[in-house]
PDB file of N, CA and C in Angstrom:
ATOM      1  N   MET A   1       0.844  -1.176   0.000  1.00  0.00           N
ATOM      2  CA  MET A   1       0.000   0.000   0.000  1.00  0.00           C
ATOM      3  C   MET A   1       0.893   1.244   0.000  1.00  0.00           C
ATOM      4  N   GLN A   2       0.610   2.180  -0.909  1.00  0.00           N
ATOM      5  CA  GLN A   2       1.379   3.410  -1.035  1.00  0.00           C
ATOM      6  C   GLN A   2       0.921   4.425   0.020  1.00  0.00           C
ATOM      7  N   PRO A   3       1.802   5.332   0.445  1.00  0.00           N
ATOM      8  CA  PRO A   3       1.412   6.328   1.454  1.00  0.00           C
ATOM      9  C   PRO A   3       0.250   7.202   1.012  1.00  0.00           C
ATOM     10  N   TYR A   4       0.179   7.523  -0.295  1.00  0.00           N
ATOM     11  CA  TYR A   4      -0.906   8.392  -0.742  1.00  0.00           C
ATOM     12  C   TYR A   4      -2.241   7.658  -0.795  1.00  0.00           C
ATOM     13  N   ASP A   5      -2.246   6.341  -0.618  1.00  0.00           N
ATOM     14  CA  ASP A   5      -3.504   5.603  -0.582  1.00  0.00           C
ATOM     15  C   ASP A   5      -4.283   5.866   0.705  1.00  0.00           C
ATOM     16  N   TYR A   6      -3.619   6.414   1.708  1.00  0.00           N
ATOM     17  CA  TYR A   6      -4.297   6.726   2.963  1.00  0.00           C
ATOM     18  C   TYR A   6      -5.175   7.969   2.856  1.00  0.00           C
ATOM     19  N   VAL A   7      -4.971   8.767   1.827  1.00  0.00           N
ATOM     20  CA  VAL A   7      -5.765   9.975   1.621  1.00  0.00           C
ATOM     21  C   VAL A   7      -6.909   9.639   0.682  1.00  0.00           C
ATOM     22  N   ASN A   8      -8.108   9.857   1.164  1.00  0.00           N
ATOM     23  CA  ASN A   8      -9.308   9.598   0.383  1.00  0.00           C
ATOM     24  C   ASN A   8      -9.389  10.598  -0.772  1.00  0.00           C
ATOM     25  N   LYS A   9      -9.722  10.124  -1.957  1.00  0.00           N
ATOM     26  CA  LYS A   9      -9.817  10.992  -3.137  1.00  0.00           C
ATOM     27  C   LYS A   9     -10.837  12.107  -2.930  1.00  0.00           C
ATOM     28  N   GLU A  10     -11.886  11.844  -2.194  1.00  0.00           N
ATOM     29  CA  GLU A  10     -12.918  12.856  -1.944  1.00  0.00           C
ATOM     30  C   GLU A  10     -12.374  14.038  -1.148  1.00  0.00           C
ATOM     31  N   TRP A  11     -11.314  13.821  -0.373  1.00  0.00           N
ATOM     32  CA  TRP A  11     -10.718  14.913   0.397  1.00  0.00           C
ATOM     33  C   TRP A  11     -10.041  15.922  -0.513  1.00  0.00           C
ATOM     34  N   ILE A  12      -9.785  15.540  -1.755  1.00  0.00           N
ATOM     35  CA  ILE A  12      -9.066  16.417  -2.673  1.00  0.00           C
ATOM     36  C   ILE A  12      -9.953  16.942  -3.789  1.00  0.00           C
ATOM     37  N   VAL A  13     -10.832  16.108  -4.348  1.00  0.00           N
ATOM     38  CA  VAL A  13     -11.536  16.503  -5.565  1.00  0.00           C
ATOM     39  C   VAL A  13     -13.046  16.660  -5.420  1.00  0.00           C
ATOM     40  N   SER A  14     -13.594  16.597  -4.231  1.00  0.00           N
ATOM     41  CA  SER A  14     -15.043  16.745  -4.083  1.00  0.00           C
ATOM     42  C   SER A  14     -15.421  18.231  -4.090  1.00  0.00           C
ATOM     43  N   SER A  15     -16.706  18.501  -4.219  1.00  0.00           N
ATOM     44  CA  SER A  15     -17.157  19.897  -4.206  1.00  0.00           C
ATOM     45  C   SER A  15     -16.937  20.519  -2.828  1.00  0.00           C
ATOM     46  N   ARG A  16     -17.063  19.747  -1.774  1.00  0.00           N
ATOM     47  CA  ARG A  16     -16.798  20.259  -0.424  1.00  0.00           C
ATOM     48  C   ARG A  16     -15.312  20.595  -0.280  1.00  0.00           C
ATOM     49  N   ALA A  17     -14.447  19.727  -0.794  1.00  0.00           N
ATOM     50  CA  ALA A  17     -13.005  19.990  -0.732  1.00  0.00           C
ATOM     51  C   ALA A  17     -12.668  21.250  -1.515  1.00  0.00           C
ATOM     52  N   ARG A  18     -13.316  21.442  -2.653  1.00  0.00           N
ATOM     53  CA  ARG A  18     -13.073  22.648  -3.453  1.00  0.00           C
ATOM     54  C   ARG A  18     -13.413  23.901  -2.655  1.00  0.00           C
ATOM     55  N   ARG A  19     -14.538  23.882  -1.949  1.00  0.00           N
ATOM     56  CA  ARG A  19     -14.919  25.034  -1.126  1.00  0.00           C
ATOM     57  C   ARG A  19     -13.922  25.261   0.008  1.00  0.00           C
ATOM     58  N   VAL A  20     -13.478  24.172   0.651  1.00  0.00           N
ATOM     59  CA  VAL A  20     -12.515  24.291   1.745  1.00  0.00           C
ATOM     60  C   VAL A  20     -11.204  24.867   1.243  1.00  0.00           C
ATOM     61  N   TYR A  21     -10.700  24.375   0.115  1.00  0.00           N
ATOM     62  CA  TYR A  21      -9.428  24.866  -0.407  1.00  0.00           C
ATOM     63  C   TYR A  21      -9.525  26.307  -0.878  1.00  0.00           C
ATOM     64  N   ARG A  22     -10.639  26.691  -1.445  1.00  0.00           N
ATOM     65  CA  ARG A  22     -10.799  28.094  -1.852  1.00  0.00           C
ATOM     66  C   ARG A  22     -10.817  29.011  -0.639  1.00  0.00           C
ATOM     67  N   LEU A  23     -11.547  28.608   0.406  1.00  0.00           N
ATOM     68  CA  LEU A  23     -11.586  29.404   1.632  1.00  0.00           C
ATOM     69  C   LEU A  23     -10.202  29.471   2.267  1.00  0.00           C
ATOM     70  N   ALA A  24      -9.497  28.352   2.294  1.00  0.00           N
ATOM     71  CA  ALA A  24      -8.147  28.329   2.856  1.00  0.00           C
ATOM     72  C   ALA A  24      -7.213  29.215   2.042  1.00  0.00           C
ATOM     73  N   ALA A  25      -7.372  29.235   0.716  1.00  0.00           N
ATOM     74  CA  ALA A  25      -6.535  30.083  -0.128  1.00  0.00           C
ATOM     75  C   ALA A  25      -6.811  31.561   0.140  1.00  0.00           C
ATOM     76  N   ILE A  26      -8.070  31.913   0.323  1.00  0.00           N
ATOM     77  CA  ILE A  26      -8.414  33.304   0.641  1.00  0.00           C
ATOM     78  C   ILE A  26      -7.823  33.689   1.992  1.00  0.00           C
ATOM     79  N   LEU A  27      -7.973  32.796   2.974  1.00  0.00           N
ATOM     80  CA  LEU A  27      -7.398  33.066   4.290  1.00  0.00           C
ATOM     81  C   LEU A  27      -5.878  33.198   4.212  1.00  0.00           C
ATOM     82  N   SER A  28      -5.250  32.359   3.413  1.00  0.00           N
ATOM     83  CA  SER A  28      -3.795  32.422   3.317  1.00  0.00           C
ATOM     84  C   SER A  28      -3.330  33.733   2.692  1.00  0.00           C
ATOM     85  N   LEU A  29      -4.114  34.287   1.784  1.00  0.00           N
ATOM     86  CA  LEU A  29      -3.739  35.560   1.164  1.00  0.00           C
ATOM     87  C   LEU A  29      -3.884  36.735   2.133  1.00  0.00           C
ATOM     88  N   THR A  30      -4.665  36.572   3.190  1.00  0.00           N
ATOM     89  CA  THR A  30      -4.760  37.641   4.194  1.00  0.00           C
ATOM     90  C   THR A  30      -3.509  37.709   5.062  1.00  0.00           C
ATOM     91  N   LEU A  31      -2.630  36.736   4.918  1.00  0.00           N
ATOM     92  CA  LEU A  31      -1.395  36.734   5.702  1.00  0.00           C
ATOM     93  C   LEU A  31      -0.517  37.937   5.357  1.00  0.00           C
ATOM     94  N   TYR A  32      -0.448  38.324   4.097  1.00  0.00           N
ATOM     95  CA  TYR A  32       0.396  39.454   3.689  1.00  0.00           C
ATOM     96  C   TYR A  32      -0.014  40.772   4.357  1.00  0.00           C
ATOM     97  N   PRO A  33      -1.278  41.183   4.260  1.00  0.00           N
ATOM     98  CA  PRO A  33      -1.612  42.460   4.905  1.00  0.00           C
ATOM     99  C   PRO A  33      -1.505  42.411   6.430  1.00  0.00           C
ATOM    100  N   ILE A  34      -1.792  41.265   7.023  1.00  0.00           N
ATOM    101  CA  ILE A  34      -1.689  41.162   8.486  1.00  0.00           C
ATOM    102  C   ILE A  34      -0.245  41.326   8.929  1.00  0.00           C
ATOM    103  N   LEU A  35       0.660  40.589   8.286  1.00  0.00           N
ATOM    104  CA  LEU A  35       2.068  40.693   8.659  1.00  0.00           C
ATOM    105  C   LEU A  35       2.627  42.076   8.365  1.00  0.00           C
ATOM    106  N   THR A  36       2.227  42.661   7.244  1.00  0.00           N
ATOM    107  CA  THR A  36       2.699  44.003   6.897  1.00  0.00           C
ATOM    108  C   THR A  36       2.223  45.016   7.927  1.00  0.00           C
ATOM    109  N   ALA A  37       0.960  44.919   8.325  1.00  0.00           N
ATOM    110  CA  ALA A  37       0.422  45.852   9.322  1.00  0.00           C
ATOM    111  C   ALA A  37       1.128  45.692  10.660  1.00  0.00           C
ATOM    112  N   GLN A  38       1.448  44.458  11.033  1.00  0.00           N
ATOM    113  CA  GLN A  38       2.119  44.249  12.315  1.00  0.00           C
ATOM    114  C   GLN A  38       3.574  44.706  12.270  1.00  0.00           C
ATOM    115  N   ILE A  39       4.244  44.511  11.134  1.00  0.00           N
ATOM    116  CA  ILE A  39       5.646  44.943  11.027  1.00  0.00           C
ATOM    117  C   ILE A  39       5.745  46.463  11.023  1.00  0.00           C
ATOM    118  N   VAL A  40       4.860  47.100  10.271  1.00  0.00           N
ATOM    119  CA  VAL A  40       4.878  48.557  10.184  1.00  0.00           C
ATOM    120  C   VAL A  40       4.362  49.183  11.475  1.00  0.00           C
ATOM    121  N   GLY A  41       3.513  48.467  12.184  1.00  0.00           N
ATOM    122  CA  GLY A  41       2.953  48.979  13.432  1.00  0.00           C
ATOM    123  C   GLY A  41       1.715  49.814  13.226  1.00  0.00           C
ATOM    124  N   GLU A  42       1.012  49.584  12.137  1.00  0.00           N
ATOM    125  CA  GLU A  42      -0.182  50.356  11.799  1.00  0.00           C
ATOM    126  C   GLU A  42      -1.471  49.721  12.309  1.00  0.00           C
ATOM    127  N   VAL A  43      -1.385  48.771  13.217  1.00  0.00           N
ATOM    128  CA  VAL A  43      -2.578  48.098  13.721  1.00  0.00           C
ATOM    129  C   VAL A  43      -3.194  48.951  14.829  1.00  0.00           C
ATOM    130  N   PRO A  44      -4.465  49.371  14.646  1.00  0.00           N
ATOM    131  CA  PRO A  44      -5.120  50.114  15.726  1.00  0.00           C
ATOM    132  C   PRO A  44      -5.233  49.251  16.982  1.00  0.00           C
ATOM    133  N   LYS A  45      -5.180  49.893  18.141  1.00  0.00           N
ATOM    134  CA  LYS A  45      -5.202  49.162  19.403  1.00  0.00           C
ATOM    135  C   LYS A  45      -6.483  48.364  19.600  1.00  0.00           C
ATOM    136  N   ASN A  46      -7.606  48.832  19.077  1.00  0.00           N
ATOM    137  CA  ASN A  46      -8.857  48.098  19.251  1.00  0.00           C
ATOM    138  C   ASN A  46      -8.923  46.847  18.378  1.00  0.00           C
ATOM    139  N   LEU A  47      -8.071  46.739  17.355  1.00  0.00           N
ATOM    140  CA  LEU A  47      -8.016  45.537  16.524  1.00  0.00           C
ATOM    141  C   LEU A  47      -6.979  44.530  17.009  1.00  0.00           C
ATOM    142  N   GLY A  48      -6.213  44.880  18.012  1.00  0.00           N
ATOM    143  CA  GLY A  48      -5.173  44.007  18.538  1.00  0.00           C
ATOM    144  C   GLY A  48      -5.660  42.614  18.917  1.00  0.00           C
ATOM    145  N   PRO A  49      -6.759  42.488  19.669  1.00  0.00           N
ATOM    146  CA  PRO A  49      -7.235  41.149  20.046  1.00  0.00           C
ATOM    147  C   PRO A  49      -7.725  40.313  18.864  1.00  0.00           C
ATOM    148  N   VAL A  50      -8.127  40.960  17.784  1.00  0.00           N
ATOM    149  CA  VAL A  50      -8.624  40.244  16.609  1.00  0.00           C
ATOM    150  C   VAL A  50      -7.474  39.774  15.717  1.00  0.00           C
ATOM    151  N   MET A  51      -6.361  40.461  15.793  1.00  0.00           N
ATOM    152  CA  MET A  51      -5.252  40.170  14.885  1.00  0.00           C
ATOM    153  C   MET A  51      -4.612  38.810  15.137  1.00  0.00           C
ATOM    154  N   GLU A  52      -4.474  38.408  16.384  1.00  0.00           N
ATOM    155  CA  GLU A  52      -3.847  37.117  16.665  1.00  0.00           C
ATOM    156  C   GLU A  52      -4.661  35.941  16.141  1.00  0.00           C
ATOM    157  N   PRO A  53      -5.979  35.882  16.393  1.00  0.00           N
ATOM    158  CA  PRO A  53      -6.747  34.769  15.804  1.00  0.00           C
ATOM    159  C   PRO A  53      -6.779  34.821  14.279  1.00  0.00           C
ATOM    160  N   LEU A  54      -6.810  36.017  13.717  1.00  0.00           N
ATOM    161  CA  LEU A  54      -6.808  36.144  12.258  1.00  0.00           C
ATOM    162  C   LEU A  54      -5.458  35.706  11.683  1.00  0.00           C
ATOM    163  N   LEU A  55      -4.385  36.037  12.363  1.00  0.00           N
ATOM    164  CA  LEU A  55      -3.058  35.583  11.943  1.00  0.00           C
ATOM    165  C   LEU A  55      -2.974  34.062  12.007  1.00  0.00           C
ATOM    166  N   PHE A  56      -3.484  33.485  13.096  1.00  0.00           N
ATOM    167  CA  PHE A  56      -3.492  32.028  13.221  1.00  0.00           C
ATOM    168  C   PHE A  56      -4.319  31.377  12.110  1.00  0.00           C
ATOM    169  N   ALA A  57      -5.505  31.937  11.828  1.00  0.00           N
ATOM    170  CA  ALA A  57      -6.367  31.386  10.777  1.00  0.00           C
ATOM    171  C   ALA A  57      -5.702  31.485   9.411  1.00  0.00           C
ATOM    172  N   SER A  58      -4.996  32.562   9.149  1.00  0.00           N
ATOM    173  CA  SER A  58      -4.334  32.696   7.845  1.00  0.00           C
ATOM    174  C   SER A  58      -3.151  31.743   7.725  1.00  0.00           C
ATOM    175  N   ILE A  59      -2.452  31.468   8.820  1.00  0.00           N
ATOM    176  CA  ILE A  59      -1.355  30.495   8.780  1.00  0.00           C
ATOM    177  C   ILE A  59      -1.892  29.093   8.567  1.00  0.00           C
ATOM    178  N   VAL A  60      -2.985  28.749   9.239  1.00  0.00           N
ATOM    179  CA  VAL A  60      -3.614  27.437   9.035  1.00  0.00           C
ATOM    180  C   VAL A  60      -4.131  27.326   7.604  1.00  0.00           C
ATOM    181  N   GLY A  61      -4.734  28.398   7.092  1.00  0.00           N
ATOM    182  CA  GLY A  61      -5.198  28.399   5.705  1.00  0.00           C
ATOM    183  C   GLY A  61      -4.068  28.194   4.716  1.00  0.00           C
ATOM    184  N   ALA A  62      -2.931  28.835   4.974  1.00  0.00           N
ATOM    185  CA  ALA A  62      -1.769  28.660   4.094  1.00  0.00           C
ATOM    186  C   ALA A  62      -1.270  27.221   4.127  1.00  0.00           C
ATOM    187  N   ALA A  63      -1.266  26.622   5.316  1.00  0.00           N
ATOM    188  CA  ALA A  63      -0.809  25.230   5.436  1.00  0.00           C
ATOM    189  C   ALA A  63      -1.755  24.269   4.723  1.00  0.00           C
ATOM    190  N   ILE A  64      -3.053  24.460   4.922  1.00  0.00           N
ATOM    191  CA  ILE A  64      -4.042  23.593   4.262  1.00  0.00           C
ATOM    192  C   ILE A  64      -3.939  23.727   2.747  1.00  0.00           C
ATOM    193  N   THR A  65      -3.827  24.953   2.271  1.00  0.00           N
ATOM    194  CA  THR A  65      -3.728  25.177   0.828  1.00  0.00           C
ATOM    195  C   THR A  65      -2.455  24.555   0.264  1.00  0.00           C
ATOM    196  N   ALA A  66      -1.329  24.755   0.933  1.00  0.00           N
ATOM    197  CA  ALA A  66      -0.063  24.225   0.432  1.00  0.00           C
ATOM    198  C   ALA A  66      -0.085  22.700   0.365  1.00  0.00           C
ATOM    199  N   VAL A  67      -0.543  22.061   1.418  1.00  0.00           N
ATOM    200  CA  VAL A  67      -0.561  20.592   1.438  1.00  0.00           C
ATOM    201  C   VAL A  67      -1.556  20.052   0.414  1.00  0.00           C
ATOM    202  N   GLY A  68      -2.755  20.605   0.384  1.00  0.00           N
ATOM    203  CA  GLY A  68      -3.772  20.122  -0.551  1.00  0.00           C
ATOM    204  C   GLY A  68      -3.393  20.314  -2.002  1.00  0.00           C
ATOM    205  N   MET A  69      -2.828  21.463  -2.314  1.00  0.00           N
ATOM    206  CA  MET A  69      -2.468  21.735  -3.707  1.00  0.00           C
ATOM    207  C   MET A  69      -1.259  20.917  -4.148  1.00  0.00           C
ATOM    208  N   GLU A  70      -0.297  20.702  -3.252  1.00  0.00           N
ATOM    209  CA  GLU A  70       0.829  19.822  -3.599  1.00  0.00           C
ATOM    210  C   GLU A  70       0.329  18.402  -3.836  1.00  0.00           C
ATOM    211  N   PHE A  71      -0.577  17.950  -2.996  1.00  0.00           N
ATOM    212  CA  PHE A  71      -1.114  16.606  -3.173  1.00  0.00           C
ATOM    213  C   PHE A  71      -1.860  16.504  -4.501  1.00  0.00           C
ATOM    214  N   PHE A  72      -2.668  17.511  -4.838  1.00  0.00           N
ATOM    215  CA  PHE A  72      -3.380  17.495  -6.111  1.00  0.00           C
ATOM    216  C   PHE A  72      -2.399  17.518  -7.269  1.00  0.00           C
ATOM    217  N   LEU A  73      -1.354  18.338  -7.166  1.00  0.00           N
ATOM    218  CA  LEU A  73      -0.357  18.423  -8.234  1.00  0.00           C
ATOM    219  C   LEU A  73       0.304  17.072  -8.485  1.00  0.00           C
ATOM    220  N   PHE A  74       0.713  16.389  -7.422  1.00  0.00           N
ATOM    221  CA  PHE A  74       1.428  15.127  -7.593  1.00  0.00           C
ATOM    222  C   PHE A  74       0.519  13.964  -7.950  1.00  0.00           C
ATOM    223  N   ARG A  75      -0.716  13.996  -7.498  1.00  0.00           N
ATOM    224  CA  ARG A  75      -1.590  12.826  -7.646  1.00  0.00           C
ATOM    225  C   ARG A  75      -2.590  12.939  -8.789  1.00  0.00           C
ATOM    226  N   PHE A  76      -3.163  14.133  -9.017  1.00  0.00           N
ATOM    227  CA  PHE A  76      -4.294  14.241  -9.936  1.00  0.00           C
ATOM    228  C   PHE A  76      -4.085  15.177 -11.115  1.00  0.00           C
ATOM    229  N   ASP A  77      -3.106  16.038 -11.065  1.00  0.00           N
ATOM    230  CA  ASP A  77      -2.902  16.999 -12.157  1.00  0.00           C
ATOM    231  C   ASP A  77      -2.342  16.262 -13.374  1.00  0.00           C
ATOM    232  N   ASP A  78      -3.052  16.352 -14.498  1.00  0.00           N
ATOM    233  CA  ASP A  78      -2.629  15.657 -15.706  1.00  0.00           C
ATOM    234  C   ASP A  78      -2.187  16.644 -16.797  1.00  0.00           C
ATOM    235  N   SER A  79      -1.751  17.815 -16.388  1.00  0.00           N
ATOM    236  CA  SER A  79      -1.280  18.802 -17.364  1.00  0.00           C
ATOM    237  C   SER A  79       0.138  18.447 -17.831  1.00  0.00           C
ATOM    238  N   HIS A  80       0.656  19.243 -18.738  1.00  0.00           N
ATOM    239  CA  HIS A  80       1.984  19.020 -19.307  1.00  0.00           C
ATOM    240  C   HIS A  80       3.038  19.032 -18.193  1.00  0.00           C
ATOM    241  N   PRO A  81       4.043  18.153 -18.282  1.00  0.00           N
ATOM    242  CA  PRO A  81       5.059  18.080 -17.220  1.00  0.00           C
ATOM    243  C   PRO A  81       5.793  19.397 -16.952  1.00  0.00           C
ATOM    244  N   LEU A  82       6.050  20.198 -17.978  1.00  0.00           N
ATOM    245  CA  LEU A  82       6.715  21.482 -17.751  1.00  0.00           C
ATOM    246  C   LEU A  82       5.831  22.428 -16.944  1.00  0.00           C
ATOM    247  N   LYS A  83       4.542  22.368 -17.202  1.00  0.00           N
ATOM    248  CA  LYS A  83       3.603  23.176 -16.440  1.00  0.00           C
ATOM    249  C   LYS A  83       3.581  22.720 -14.983  1.00  0.00           C
ATOM    250  N   GLN A  84       3.658  21.413 -14.763  1.00  0.00           N
ATOM    251  CA  GLN A  84       3.691  20.895 -13.398  1.00  0.00           C
ATOM    252  C   GLN A  84       4.961  21.334 -12.677  1.00  0.00           C
ATOM    253  N   VAL A  85       6.086  21.328 -13.379  1.00  0.00           N
ATOM    254  CA  VAL A  85       7.345  21.776 -12.774  1.00  0.00           C
ATOM    255  C   VAL A  85       7.256  23.259 -12.424  1.00  0.00           C
ATOM    256  N   PHE A  86       6.680  24.049 -13.331  1.00  0.00           N
ATOM    257  CA  PHE A  86       6.505  25.476 -13.050  1.00  0.00           C
ATOM    258  C   PHE A  86       5.684  25.684 -11.787  1.00  0.00           C
ATOM    259  N   TRP A  87       4.547  24.991 -11.690  1.00  0.00           N
ATOM    260  CA  TRP A  87       3.692  25.187 -10.529  1.00  0.00           C
ATOM    261  C   TRP A  87       4.313  24.642  -9.255  1.00  0.00           C
ATOM    262  N   PHE A  88       5.093  23.577  -9.359  1.00  0.00           N
ATOM    263  CA  PHE A  88       5.795  23.086  -8.184  1.00  0.00           C
ATOM    264  C   PHE A  88       6.744  24.162  -7.651  1.00  0.00           C
ATOM    265  N   CYS A  89       7.485  24.780  -8.550  1.00  0.00           N
ATOM    266  CA  CYS A  89       8.401  25.847  -8.133  1.00  0.00           C
ATOM    267  C   CYS A  89       7.641  27.058  -7.596  1.00  0.00           C
ATOM    268  N   ALA A  90       6.534  27.387  -8.224  1.00  0.00           N
ATOM    269  CA  ALA A  90       5.730  28.528  -7.761  1.00  0.00           C
ATOM    270  C   ALA A  90       5.152  28.272  -6.377  1.00  0.00           C
ATOM    271  N   MET A  91       4.791  27.020  -6.105  1.00  0.00           N
ATOM    272  CA  MET A  91       4.191  26.708  -4.802  1.00  0.00           C
ATOM    273  C   MET A  91       5.199  26.725  -3.664  1.00  0.00           C
ATOM    274  N   LEU A  92       6.475  26.852  -3.974  1.00  0.00           N
ATOM    275  CA  LEU A  92       7.473  26.995  -2.913  1.00  0.00           C
ATOM    276  C   LEU A  92       7.346  28.345  -2.218  1.00  0.00           C
ATOM    277  N   PHE A  93       6.713  29.309  -2.888  1.00  0.00           N
ATOM    278  CA  PHE A  93       6.527  30.645  -2.334  1.00  0.00           C
ATOM    279  C   PHE A  93       5.174  30.730  -1.631  1.00  0.00           C
ATOM    280  N   VAL A  94       5.127  30.133  -0.458  1.00  0.00           N
ATOM    281  CA  VAL A  94       3.906  30.103   0.354  1.00  0.00           C
ATOM    282  C   VAL A  94       3.713  31.490   0.942  1.00  0.00           C
ATOM    283  N   PRO A  95       2.533  32.036   0.986  1.00  0.00           N
ATOM    284  CA  PRO A  95       1.219  31.532   0.653  1.00  0.00           C
ATOM    285  C   PRO A  95       0.735  31.895  -0.748  1.00  0.00           C
ATOM    286  N   LEU A  96       1.504  32.719  -1.473  1.00  0.00           N
ATOM    287  CA  LEU A  96       1.026  33.181  -2.778  1.00  0.00           C
ATOM    288  C   LEU A  96       0.969  32.067  -3.812  1.00  0.00           C
ATOM    289  N   GLY A  97       1.992  31.239  -3.922  1.00  0.00           N
ATOM    290  CA  GLY A  97       2.051  30.190  -4.936  1.00  0.00           C
ATOM    291  C   GLY A  97       0.921  29.177  -4.838  1.00  0.00           C
ATOM    292  N   PRO A  98       0.707  28.570  -3.656  1.00  0.00           N
ATOM    293  CA  PRO A  98      -0.399  27.615  -3.538  1.00  0.00           C
ATOM    294  C   PRO A  98      -1.773  28.245  -3.769  1.00  0.00           C
ATOM    295  N   ALA A  99      -1.944  29.492  -3.328  1.00  0.00           N
ATOM    296  CA  ALA A  99      -3.229  30.160  -3.547  1.00  0.00           C
ATOM    297  C   ALA A  99      -3.477  30.396  -5.036  1.00  0.00           C
ATOM    298  N   LEU A 100      -2.448  30.832  -5.756  1.00  0.00           N
ATOM    299  CA  LEU A 100      -2.598  31.020  -7.201  1.00  0.00           C
ATOM    300  C   LEU A 100      -2.887  29.702  -7.903  1.00  0.00           C
ATOM    301  N   TYR A 101      -2.183  28.653  -7.509  1.00  0.00           N
ATOM    302  CA  TYR A 101      -2.432  27.337  -8.098  1.00  0.00           C
ATOM    303  C   TYR A 101      -3.871  26.906  -7.825  1.00  0.00           C
ATOM    304  N   CYS A 102      -4.343  27.161  -6.617  1.00  0.00           N
ATOM    305  CA  CYS A 102      -5.717  26.792  -6.254  1.00  0.00           C
ATOM    306  C   CYS A 102      -6.723  27.498  -7.157  1.00  0.00           C
ATOM    307  N   PHE A 103      -6.553  28.797  -7.352  1.00  0.00           N
ATOM    308  CA  PHE A 103      -7.527  29.553  -8.132  1.00  0.00           C
ATOM    309  C   PHE A 103      -7.390  29.335  -9.638  1.00  0.00           C
ATOM    310  N   LEU A 104      -6.163  29.188 -10.127  1.00  0.00           N
ATOM    311  CA  LEU A 104      -5.947  29.124 -11.576  1.00  0.00           C
ATOM    312  C   LEU A 104      -5.979  27.712 -12.152  1.00  0.00           C
ATOM    313  N   VAL A 105      -5.487  26.730 -11.422  1.00  0.00           N
ATOM    314  CA  VAL A 105      -5.375  25.380 -11.972  1.00  0.00           C
ATOM    315  C   VAL A 105      -6.363  24.426 -11.307  1.00  0.00           C
ATOM    316  N   TYR A 106      -6.293  24.329  -9.984  1.00  0.00           N
ATOM    317  CA  TYR A 106      -7.122  23.373  -9.251  1.00  0.00           C
ATOM    318  C   TYR A 106      -8.611  23.632  -9.465  1.00  0.00           C
ATOM    319  N   SER A 107      -9.047  24.862  -9.271  1.00  0.00           N
ATOM    320  CA  SER A 107     -10.472  25.167  -9.407  1.00  0.00           C
ATOM    321  C   SER A 107     -10.982  24.877 -10.808  1.00  0.00           C
ATOM    322  N   THR A 108     -10.187  25.204 -11.812  1.00  0.00           N
ATOM    323  CA  THR A 108     -10.584  24.928 -13.195  1.00  0.00           C
ATOM    324  C   THR A 108     -10.675  23.432 -13.448  1.00  0.00           C
ATOM    325  N   ALA A 109      -9.693  22.690 -12.978  1.00  0.00           N
ATOM    326  CA  ALA A 109      -9.695  21.235 -13.180  1.00  0.00           C
ATOM    327  C   ALA A 109     -10.852  20.584 -12.450  1.00  0.00           C
ATOM    328  N   ILE A 110     -11.123  21.022 -11.232  1.00  0.00           N
ATOM    329  CA  ILE A 110     -12.216  20.434 -10.452  1.00  0.00           C
ATOM    330  C   ILE A 110     -13.557  20.817 -11.056  1.00  0.00           C
ATOM    331  N   ASN A 111     -13.696  22.067 -11.509  1.00  0.00           N
ATOM    332  CA  ASN A 111     -14.947  22.464 -12.158  1.00  0.00           C
ATOM    333  C   ASN A 111     -15.213  21.606 -13.391  1.00  0.00           C
ATOM    334  N   ASN A 112     -14.176  21.316 -14.169  1.00  0.00           N
ATOM    335  CA  ASN A 112     -14.344  20.485 -15.360  1.00  0.00           C
ATOM    336  C   ASN A 112     -14.688  19.046 -14.994  1.00  0.00           C
ATOM    337  N   ARG A 113     -14.117  18.533 -13.921  1.00  0.00           N
ATOM    338  CA  ARG A 113     -14.401  17.154 -13.506  1.00  0.00           C
ATOM    339  C   ARG A 113     -15.779  17.002 -12.892  1.00  0.00           C
ATOM    340  N   LEU A 114     -16.222  18.035 -12.141  1.00  0.00           N
ATOM    341  CA  LEU A 114     -17.500  17.940 -11.456  1.00  0.00           C
ATOM    342  C   LEU A 114     -18.670  18.409 -12.306  1.00  0.00           C
ATOM    343  N   ALA A 115     -18.383  19.047 -13.425  1.00  0.00           N
ATOM    344  CA  ALA A 115     -19.460  19.541 -14.287  1.00  0.00           C
ATOM    345  C   ALA A 115     -20.200  18.353 -14.896  1.00  0.00           C
ATOM    346  N   PRO A 116     -21.513  18.445 -14.978  1.00  0.00           N
ATOM    347  CA  PRO A 116     -22.254  17.352 -15.614  1.00  0.00           C
ATOM    348  C   PRO A 116     -21.882  17.248 -17.083  1.00  0.00           C
ATOM    349  N   GLN A 117     -21.774  16.047 -17.542  1.00  0.00           N
ATOM    350  CA  GLN A 117     -21.396  15.812 -18.936  1.00  0.00           C
ATOM    351  C   GLN A 117     -22.530  16.267 -19.855  1.00  0.00           C
ATOM    352  N   GLN A 118     -22.179  17.069 -20.826  1.00  0.00           N
ATOM    353  CA  GLN A 118     -23.150  17.550 -21.805  1.00  0.00           C
ATOM    354  C   GLN A 118     -23.406  16.467 -22.839  1.00  0.00           C
ATOM    355  N   GLU A 119     -24.671  16.226 -23.106  1.00  0.00           N
ATOM    356  CA  GLU A 119     -25.000  15.255 -24.141  1.00  0.00           C
ATOM    357  C   GLU A 119     -24.981  15.965 -25.498  1.00  0.00           C
ATOM    358  N   VAL A 120     -24.391  15.314 -26.459  1.00  0.00           N
ATOM    359  CA  VAL A 120     -24.278  15.884 -27.795  1.00  0.00           C
ATOM    360  C   VAL A 120     -25.326  15.200 -28.657  1.00  0.00           C
ATOM    361  N   HIS A 121     -26.178  16.002 -29.274  1.00  0.00           N
ATOM    362  CA  HIS A 121     -27.206  15.476 -30.158  1.00  0.00           C
ATOM    363  C   HIS A 121     -26.751  15.660 -31.605  1.00  0.00           C
ATOM    364  N   HIS A 122     -26.763  14.590 -32.360  1.00  0.00           N
ATOM    365  CA  HIS A 122     -26.349  14.641 -33.754  1.00  0.00           C
ATOM    366  C   HIS A 122     -27.574  14.521 -34.653  1.00  0.00           C
ATOM    367  N   GLY A 123     -28.118  15.640 -34.985  1.00  0.00           N
ATOM    368  CA  GLY A 123     -29.248  15.640 -35.930  1.00  0.00           C
ATOM    369  C   GLY A 123     -30.573  15.407 -35.245  1.00  0.00           C
ATOM    370  N   PRO A 124     -31.658  15.379 -36.055  1.00  0.00           N
ATOM    371  CA  PRO A 124     -33.012  15.239 -35.495  1.00  0.00           C
ATOM    372  C   PRO A 124     -33.358  13.840 -35.100  1.00  0.00           C
TER     373      PRO A 124
END
């Protein structure tokens, strides 16, 4: 039994998984403004208690997105090998790379897989 056999396919390619990964990607992208605001010191004092849970949520979102998208890339992505190498390198830049892969490649591939098959009618 291979290690990737322990991960259920539905955890990666189902409609629920798609929603989870999109939400995680959005949360991961909030990491940039949060960290920038904290480094610059522009966080208002009344937002201080909210910033720590939001920072934690964005870090968890980045981790979920990175792991899920890497797993999809290695296991289910059937695009050209050079494109896969490009995205592998892009995903090294967490959180931007995995989030971009999620929105540009994963979502498109999952939408195509989950879309109902169109019946083609040939003539009357």
